[in-house]
Amino acid sequence: MGRKVIVIQHNPWEGPGQFLLGAAKKYTIKMDIIRVWEEKIPEIKGYAAMIVLGGGPNVDQEHLYPFLKEEKQTIKKAIARDIPYLGFCLGHQLLADVLGAKVGPNFQSSLGYIQGFLTHAGKSHPVFKGLPQNMPFFKWHSQAVQEPLPGHVAILATSAECQVEAISLQGRPHILGLQFDNHAAAPENVKNWITMDSKWLATIQDRVVNTAMLLEDARKHQETIRMQFTKLFDNFFSLVH
């Protein structure tokens, strides 16, 4: 019997990635996708988990994106009710903001496929059980969670391009955020992101954006990331009551 998960989407083209869709299908999960720029977030009671995707807004841009205020309140409710939470990119940053961490410009833009590393806390965290200490991450951001973090927030992963790649609420491993977008690392997703997010790519000044290499890396890492993301989602859903 399938379970219902609420999924928060922030723009028309950045929906659940192919690897997330595949993992959800494995569990016969029904995803209620809420397009927050055009509809209200419903009551979250009764959902097995909450998944929050990435998107263009910064966490402090409530004046430009009024839905962020309601979304933060909903994330606070999810934590208060102990509803399992999985955030990607902006979803990770919103979780950090709600937990009292600072979010701001990263020391560099982080884009494409890079090597990520589990921290000591990450190696013992159940969501990374059975996964290697070093993994490819698919990145697409210029904002990041800033250190130092509040004591109740653990850093689970890091990289040369971003210090805080994954976080979890201490003692509640089912509340976590991932800065990387491995759920959407499939070549068809990457091709679409390159097309639809061309304006943002054009603003990047601290690196050369080679879209042909991005697509080549997507093909190269496709099977590894698909298997590793499926395992990560297996682990996350094993924590869902």
Protein backbone atom coordinates (compact mmCIF):
# COMPACT_ATOMS: atom_id res chain seq x y z
CA MET A 1 0.00 0.00 0.00
CA GLY A 2 1.41 3.38 -1.00
CA ARG A 3 1.96 6.31 1.30
CA LYS A 4 1.51 10.01 0.62
CA VAL A 5 4.39 12.47 0.68
CA ILE A 6 4.01 16.22 0.25
CA VAL A 7 6.54 17.74 -2.18
CA ILE A 8 7.13 21.50 -2.34
CA GLN A 9 8.17 22.81 -5.77
CA HIS A 10 9.42 26.40 -6.28
CA ASN A 11 9.41 26.94 -10.04
CA PRO A 12 7.72 25.36 -13.08
CA TRP A 13 10.71 23.43 -14.43
CA GLU A 14 12.46 22.23 -11.26
CA GLY A 15 10.26 19.34 -10.20
CA PRO A 16 11.23 15.96 -8.73
CA GLY A 17 14.21 14.60 -10.66
CA GLN A 18 14.29 11.28 -12.48
CA PHE A 19 16.15 9.52 -9.68
CA LEU A 20 13.65 10.76 -7.06
CA LEU A 21 10.72 9.70 -9.24
CA GLY A 22 12.27 6.25 -9.67
CA ALA A 23 12.93 5.83 -5.96
CA ALA A 24 9.39 6.96 -5.06
CA LYS A 25 7.91 4.51 -7.57
CA LYS A 26 9.81 1.68 -5.90
CA TYR A 27 7.92 2.43 -2.69
CA THR A 28 4.62 3.16 -4.48
CA ILE A 29 4.71 6.61 -2.91
CA LYS A 30 2.06 9.09 -4.00
CA MET A 31 3.68 12.51 -4.27
CA ASP A 32 1.36 15.48 -3.79
CA ILE A 33 3.34 18.21 -5.57
CA ILE A 34 2.52 21.71 -4.35
CA ARG A 35 3.51 24.54 -6.71
CA VAL A 36 3.94 27.18 -4.03
CA TRP A 37 4.09 30.18 -6.37
CA GLU A 38 0.49 29.52 -7.42
CA GLU A 39 -1.19 27.52 -4.64
CA LYS A 40 -1.38 27.39 -0.84
CA ILE A 41 0.39 24.66 1.13
CA PRO A 42 -2.28 22.32 2.51
CA GLU A 43 -2.47 20.92 6.03
CA ILE A 44 0.49 18.53 6.37
CA LYS A 45 -1.11 16.24 8.94
CA GLY A 46 -1.46 12.76 7.47
CA TYR A 47 1.58 12.92 5.20
CA ALA A 48 4.29 10.31 5.76
CA ALA A 49 7.04 12.81 4.94
CA MET A 50 7.78 16.26 3.53
CA ILE A 51 10.19 16.79 0.63
CA VAL A 52 11.26 20.31 -0.34
CA LEU A 53 12.99 20.87 -3.68
CA GLY A 54 15.41 23.57 -4.84
CA GLY A 55 14.68 26.79 -6.70
CA GLY A 56 15.73 30.33 -7.46
CA PRO A 57 14.75 32.23 -4.28
CA ASN A 58 17.16 32.99 -1.45
CA VAL A 59 15.80 32.20 2.01
CA ASP A 60 15.63 35.90 2.97
CA GLN A 61 13.70 37.05 -0.12
CA GLU A 62 10.20 36.90 1.36
CA HIS A 63 9.51 40.36 -0.12
CA LEU A 64 10.03 38.93 -3.62
CA TYR A 65 8.61 35.46 -2.92
CA PRO A 66 5.82 35.80 -0.33
CA PHE A 67 5.25 32.03 -0.28
CA LEU A 68 8.55 31.61 1.62
CA LYS A 69 6.94 32.89 4.84
CA GLU A 70 4.18 30.25 4.70
CA GLU A 71 6.70 27.60 3.69
CA LYS A 72 8.98 28.31 6.67
CA GLN A 73 5.97 28.10 8.99
CA THR A 74 5.06 24.73 7.45
CA ILE A 75 8.61 23.42 7.94
CA LYS A 76 8.44 24.49 11.59
CA LYS A 77 5.15 22.55 11.91
CA ALA A 78 6.73 19.48 10.32
CA ILE A 79 9.58 19.57 12.83
CA ALA A 80 7.21 20.16 15.76
CA ARG A 81 5.06 17.20 14.66
CA ASP A 82 8.16 15.07 13.95
CA ILE A 83 7.21 14.55 10.30
CA PRO A 84 10.25 13.23 8.38
CA TYR A 85 11.77 16.00 6.24
CA LEU A 86 14.11 15.82 3.24
CA GLY A 87 15.26 19.09 1.67
CA PHE A 88 17.31 19.55 -1.50
CA CYS A 89 19.30 22.75 -2.22
CA LEU A 90 16.83 25.53 -1.30
CA GLY A 91 14.90 22.97 0.78
CA HIS A 92 18.14 22.28 2.69
CA GLN A 93 18.76 26.02 3.16
CA LEU A 94 15.19 26.64 4.37
CA LEU A 95 15.57 23.85 6.94
CA ALA A 96 18.85 25.40 8.15
CA ASP A 97 17.21 28.83 8.39
CA VAL A 98 14.30 27.45 10.42
CA LEU A 99 16.77 25.68 12.74
CA GLY A 100 18.59 28.95 13.43
CA ALA A 101 21.55 28.69 11.05
CA LYS A 102 22.70 31.52 8.79
CA VAL A 103 22.31 31.22 5.01
CA GLY A 104 24.11 33.55 2.61
CA PRO A 105 26.40 33.76 -0.41
CA ASN A 106 28.81 30.83 -0.70
CA PHE A 107 32.51 31.63 -1.14
CA GLN A 108 32.09 30.47 -4.75
CA SER A 109 29.36 29.28 -7.06
CA SER A 110 29.05 25.49 -7.00
CA LEU A 111 27.95 24.01 -10.28
CA GLY A 112 28.14 20.59 -11.88
CA TYR A 113 29.63 17.33 -10.66
CA ILE A 114 32.12 17.42 -7.80
CA GLN A 115 33.47 15.06 -5.14
CA GLY A 116 31.66 15.13 -1.80
CA PHE A 117 32.88 13.71 1.50
CA LEU A 118 31.00 12.41 4.54
CA THR A 119 32.00 13.90 7.87
CA HIS A 120 32.43 11.81 11.01
CA ALA A 121 28.76 12.50 11.82
CA GLY A 122 27.77 11.61 8.25
CA LYS A 123 29.57 8.26 8.30
CA SER A 124 27.49 7.20 11.32
CA HIS A 125 24.20 8.73 10.11
CA PRO A 126 21.59 6.14 9.05
CA VAL A 127 20.70 7.96 5.80
CA PHE A 128 24.25 7.30 4.50
CA LYS A 129 24.38 3.67 5.67
CA GLY A 130 25.96 1.45 3.01
CA LEU A 131 27.24 4.44 1.00
CA PRO A 132 30.93 5.29 0.41
CA GLN A 133 32.68 8.10 2.28
CA ASN A 134 33.40 9.85 -1.03
CA MET A 135 30.56 10.37 -3.52
CA PRO A 136 29.81 12.46 -6.62
CA PHE A 137 27.50 15.40 -5.90
CA PHE A 138 25.49 17.30 -8.52
CA LYS A 139 25.58 21.00 -7.59
CA TRP A 140 23.59 24.05 -8.74
CA HIS A 141 23.80 26.97 -6.30
CA SER A 142 25.56 30.14 -5.16
CA GLN A 143 24.00 30.46 -1.68
CA ALA A 144 24.95 28.13 1.16
CA VAL A 145 24.47 27.35 4.84
CA GLN A 146 27.16 29.21 6.82
CA GLU A 147 29.29 27.98 9.69
CA PRO A 148 29.26 27.96 12.65
CA LEU A 149 26.00 26.05 12.98
CA PRO A 150 23.80 25.86 16.09
CA GLY A 151 24.75 22.99 18.40
CA HIS A 152 21.62 21.01 17.56
CA VAL A 153 22.51 20.84 13.85
CA ALA A 154 25.08 18.29 12.64
CA ILE A 155 27.09 18.60 9.40
CA LEU A 156 26.93 15.27 7.55
CA ALA A 157 28.84 16.05 4.34
CA THR A 158 31.24 18.61 2.93
CA SER A 159 33.19 19.39 -0.24
CA ALA A 160 35.91 21.69 -1.59
CA GLU A 161 33.19 23.95 -3.05
CA CYS A 162 30.84 24.12 -0.06
CA GLN A 163 31.51 23.52 3.63
CA VAL A 164 27.96 22.46 4.55
CA GLU A 165 26.72 19.89 2.01
CA ALA A 166 24.30 18.05 4.30
CA ILE A 167 22.77 18.62 7.73
CA SER A 168 20.59 16.78 10.20
CA LEU A 169 18.80 17.68 13.41
CA GLN A 170 20.70 16.08 16.30
CA GLY A 171 18.88 13.04 17.66
CA ARG A 172 16.32 13.15 14.83
CA PRO A 173 18.01 11.62 11.77
CA HIS A 174 14.78 11.78 9.74
CA ILE A 175 15.03 15.61 9.63
CA LEU A 176 17.72 16.41 7.09
CA GLY A 177 18.82 18.66 4.25
CA LEU A 178 21.12 18.05 1.28
CA GLN A 179 22.75 20.94 -0.58
CA PHE A 180 23.39 18.72 -3.59
CA ASP A 181 20.68 17.89 -6.17
CA ASN A 182 21.48 14.23 -6.85
CA HIS A 183 17.77 13.51 -7.23
CA ALA A 184 17.94 15.43 -10.54
CA ALA A 185 21.41 14.41 -11.76
CA ALA A 186 20.13 12.37 -14.73
CA PRO A 187 21.20 13.66 -18.18
CA GLU A 188 17.63 14.58 -19.19
CA ASN A 189 17.27 16.70 -16.02
CA VAL A 190 20.63 18.39 -16.49
CA LYS A 191 19.85 19.23 -20.12
CA ASN A 192 16.56 20.80 -19.04
CA TRP A 193 18.17 22.77 -16.20
CA ILE A 194 20.82 24.16 -18.57
CA THR A 195 18.08 25.39 -20.90
CA MET A 196 15.62 26.70 -18.33
CA ASP A 197 18.16 28.29 -15.97
CA SER A 198 20.27 29.96 -18.67
CA LYS A 199 19.79 33.43 -17.14
CA TRP A 200 21.34 32.32 -13.84
CA LEU A 201 24.18 30.52 -15.63
CA ALA A 202 24.93 33.75 -17.51
CA THR A 203 25.42 35.62 -14.20
CA ILE A 204 28.18 33.30 -12.97
CA GLN A 205 31.50 35.13 -13.12
CA ASP A 206 33.83 33.06 -10.94
CA ARG A 207 34.07 30.09 -13.32
CA VAL A 208 33.66 29.10 -16.94
CA VAL A 209 30.35 27.29 -17.49
CA ASN A 210 30.93 24.48 -20.00
CA THR A 211 27.49 23.04 -20.71
CA ALA A 212 28.87 20.31 -23.01
CA MET A 213 31.08 19.07 -20.18
CA LEU A 214 28.14 19.22 -17.76
CA LEU A 215 26.17 16.87 -20.01
CA GLU A 216 29.17 14.59 -20.48
CA ASP A 217 29.63 14.40 -16.70
CA ALA A 218 25.91 13.66 -16.33
CA ARG A 219 26.27 10.65 -18.62
CA LYS A 220 29.48 9.55 -16.92
CA HIS A 221 28.07 9.65 -13.38
CA GLN A 222 24.51 8.60 -14.21
CA GLU A 223 24.55 5.00 -13.02
CA THR A 224 26.65 5.64 -9.91
CA ILE A 225 24.45 8.52 -8.72
CA ARG A 226 21.24 6.66 -9.56
CA MET A 227 22.30 3.67 -7.43
CA GLN A 228 23.60 5.83 -4.60
CA PHE A 229 20.55 8.09 -4.55
CA THR A 230 18.22 5.07 -4.52
CA LYS A 231 20.15 3.71 -1.53
CA LEU A 232 20.00 7.09 0.23
CA PHE A 233 16.24 7.27 -0.36
CA ASP A 234 15.86 3.67 0.86
CA ASN A 235 17.65 4.69 4.04
CA PHE A 236 15.56 7.85 4.45
CA PHE A 237 12.31 5.99 3.95
CA SER A 238 13.37 3.34 6.48
CA LEU A 239 13.30 6.22 9.00
CA VAL A 240 9.75 7.22 7.99
CA HIS A 241 7.33 5.86 10.57
